[in-house]
Amino acid sequence: MLANITVRYFAAAAAAAGRQEETVELPAGASFDDLTRHLAARGPELERVLARCSFLYDGVAVRDRSHRPESGSVVDVLPPFAGG
């Protein structure tokens, strides 16, 4: 079974990903670490940006990267922002 996760990229993350949003299919039970590895495998620029990003899961900050996002959820990828 697969989990469909909507990933929304902002600022430098969107530039590195080459898109603002996409749906990613991961094996059911995959963690945020698994999601990050899956996305980072696309290339060194996205990997570099992801290493500095924070993530929101359905609007809530992700603190535990071993947490498993559910199918149909939204993950926002937020790079550090200047000035705040």
C-alpha atoms as a PDB file:
ATOM      1  CA  MET A   1       0.000   0.000   0.000  1.00  0.00           C
ATOM      2  CA  LEU A   2       1.207   3.511  -0.792  1.00  0.00           C
ATOM      3  CA  ALA A   3       0.747   6.816   1.001  1.00  0.00           C
ATOM      4  CA  ASN A   4       0.104   9.875  -1.177  1.00  0.00           C
ATOM      5  CA  ILE A   5       1.628  12.964   0.424  1.00  0.00           C
ATOM      6  CA  THR A   6       1.193  16.482  -0.979  1.00  0.00           C
ATOM      7  CA  VAL A   7       4.492  18.330  -0.661  1.00  0.00           C
ATOM      8  CA  ARG A   8       4.474  22.120  -0.955  1.00  0.00           C
ATOM      9  CA  TYR A   9       7.805  23.902  -1.419  1.00  0.00           C
ATOM     10  CA  PHE A  10       8.492  27.518  -0.496  1.00  0.00           C
ATOM     11  CA  ALA A  11      11.215  30.019  -1.499  1.00  0.00           C
ATOM     12  CA  ALA A  12      14.636  28.348  -2.012  1.00  0.00           C
ATOM     13  CA  ALA A  13      13.086  24.896  -1.622  1.00  0.00           C
ATOM     14  CA  ALA A  14      10.731  25.600  -4.548  1.00  0.00           C
ATOM     15  CA  ALA A  15      13.640  26.823  -6.656  1.00  0.00           C
ATOM     16  CA  ALA A  16      15.724  23.728  -5.872  1.00  0.00           C
ATOM     17  CA  ALA A  17      12.792  21.373  -6.476  1.00  0.00           C
ATOM     18  CA  GLY A  18      11.806  23.142  -9.701  1.00  0.00           C
ATOM     19  CA  ARG A  19       8.172  23.255  -8.590  1.00  0.00           C
ATOM     20  CA  GLN A  20       5.932  24.625  -5.881  1.00  0.00           C
ATOM     21  CA  GLU A  21       3.886  21.517  -5.210  1.00  0.00           C
ATOM     22  CA  GLU A  22       3.748  17.830  -5.999  1.00  0.00           C
ATOM     23  CA  THR A  23       2.245  14.577  -4.807  1.00  0.00           C
ATOM     24  CA  VAL A  24       4.747  11.985  -3.610  1.00  0.00           C
ATOM     25  CA  GLU A  25       3.974   8.287  -3.249  1.00  0.00           C
ATOM     26  CA  LEU A  26       5.772   6.537  -0.405  1.00  0.00           C
ATOM     27  CA  PRO A  27       5.350   3.092   1.091  1.00  0.00           C
ATOM     28  CA  ALA A  28       2.754   3.105   3.865  1.00  0.00           C
ATOM     29  CA  GLY A  29       4.518   3.602   7.185  1.00  0.00           C
ATOM     30  CA  ALA A  30       7.343   5.726   5.728  1.00  0.00           C
ATOM     31  CA  SER A  31       8.692   8.406   8.090  1.00  0.00           C
ATOM     32  CA  PHE A  32       9.594  12.050   7.537  1.00  0.00           C
ATOM     33  CA  ASP A  33      13.225  10.914   7.316  1.00  0.00           C
ATOM     34  CA  ASP A  34      12.195   8.552   4.501  1.00  0.00           C
ATOM     35  CA  LEU A  35      10.348  11.375   2.756  1.00  0.00           C
ATOM     36  CA  THR A  36      13.384  13.651   3.042  1.00  0.00           C
ATOM     37  CA  ARG A  37      15.708  10.963   1.637  1.00  0.00           C
ATOM     38  CA  HIS A  38      13.283  10.332  -1.222  1.00  0.00           C
ATOM     39  CA  LEU A  39      13.193  14.024  -2.140  1.00  0.00           C
ATOM     40  CA  ALA A  40      16.950  14.554  -1.652  1.00  0.00           C
ATOM     41  CA  ALA A  41      17.739  11.731  -4.079  1.00  0.00           C
ATOM     42  CA  ARG A  42      16.645  14.033  -6.905  1.00  0.00           C
ATOM     43  CA  GLY A  43      19.857  15.996  -6.818  1.00  0.00           C
ATOM     44  CA  PRO A  44      22.538  17.719  -4.769  1.00  0.00           C
ATOM     45  CA  GLU A  45      20.928  21.172  -4.805  1.00  0.00           C
ATOM     46  CA  LEU A  46      17.639  19.937  -3.371  1.00  0.00           C
ATOM     47  CA  GLU A  47      19.532  17.751  -0.895  1.00  0.00           C
ATOM     48  CA  ARG A  48      21.527  20.788   0.291  1.00  0.00           C
ATOM     49  CA  VAL A  49      18.407  22.932   0.724  1.00  0.00           C
ATOM     50  CA  LEU A  50      16.417  20.183   2.469  1.00  0.00           C
ATOM     51  CA  ALA A  51      19.165  19.807   5.071  1.00  0.00           C
ATOM     52  CA  ARG A  52      18.375  23.349   6.281  1.00  0.00           C
ATOM     53  CA  CYS A  53      14.591  23.228   6.002  1.00  0.00           C
ATOM     54  CA  SER A  54      11.903  22.825   8.588  1.00  0.00           C
ATOM     55  CA  PHE A  55       8.694  20.957   7.861  1.00  0.00           C
ATOM     56  CA  LEU A  56       5.049  21.463   8.694  1.00  0.00           C
ATOM     57  CA  TYR A  57       2.716  18.468   8.737  1.00  0.00           C
ATOM     58  CA  ASP A  58      -0.864  19.557   8.158  1.00  0.00           C
ATOM     59  CA  GLY A  59       0.119  22.951   9.598  1.00  0.00           C
ATOM     60  CA  VAL A  60       2.000  21.664  12.662  1.00  0.00           C
ATOM     61  CA  ALA A  61       5.803  21.827  13.031  1.00  0.00           C
ATOM     62  CA  VAL A  62       7.514  18.449  12.698  1.00  0.00           C
ATOM     63  CA  ARG A  63       9.725  17.819  15.712  1.00  0.00           C
ATOM     64  CA  ASP A  64       9.994  14.027  15.485  1.00  0.00           C
ATOM     65  CA  ARG A  65      11.382  13.027  12.082  1.00  0.00           C
ATOM     66  CA  SER A  66      10.513   9.371  12.749  1.00  0.00           C
ATOM     67  CA  HIS A  67       6.797  10.294  12.675  1.00  0.00           C
ATOM     68  CA  ARG A  68       4.871   8.729   9.790  1.00  0.00           C
ATOM     69  CA  PRO A  69       2.741  11.066   7.667  1.00  0.00           C
ATOM     70  CA  GLU A  70      -0.605   9.606   6.639  1.00  0.00           C
ATOM     71  CA  SER A  71      -1.876   9.365   3.104  1.00  0.00           C
ATOM     72  CA  GLY A  72      -3.708  12.541   2.086  1.00  0.00           C
ATOM     73  CA  SER A  73      -1.645  14.781   4.362  1.00  0.00           C
ATOM     74  CA  VAL A  74       0.163  17.980   3.383  1.00  0.00           C
ATOM     75  CA  VAL A  75       3.829  18.613   4.147  1.00  0.00           C
ATOM     76  CA  ASP A  76       5.208  22.143   3.763  1.00  0.00           C
ATOM     77  CA  VAL A  77       8.959  22.479   3.162  1.00  0.00           C
ATOM     78  CA  LEU A  78      10.200  25.764   4.632  1.00  0.00           C
ATOM     79  CA  PRO A  79      13.766  27.001   4.217  1.00  0.00           C
ATOM     80  CA  PRO A  80      15.172  29.464   6.755  1.00  0.00           C
ATOM     81  CA  PHE A  81      13.873  32.970   6.150  1.00  0.00           C
ATOM     82  CA  ALA A  82      15.960  36.095   6.673  1.00  0.00           C
ATOM     83  CA  GLY A  83      14.887  38.613   9.267  1.00  0.00           C
ATOM     84  CA  GLY A  84      12.880  36.479  11.593  1.00  0.00           C
END
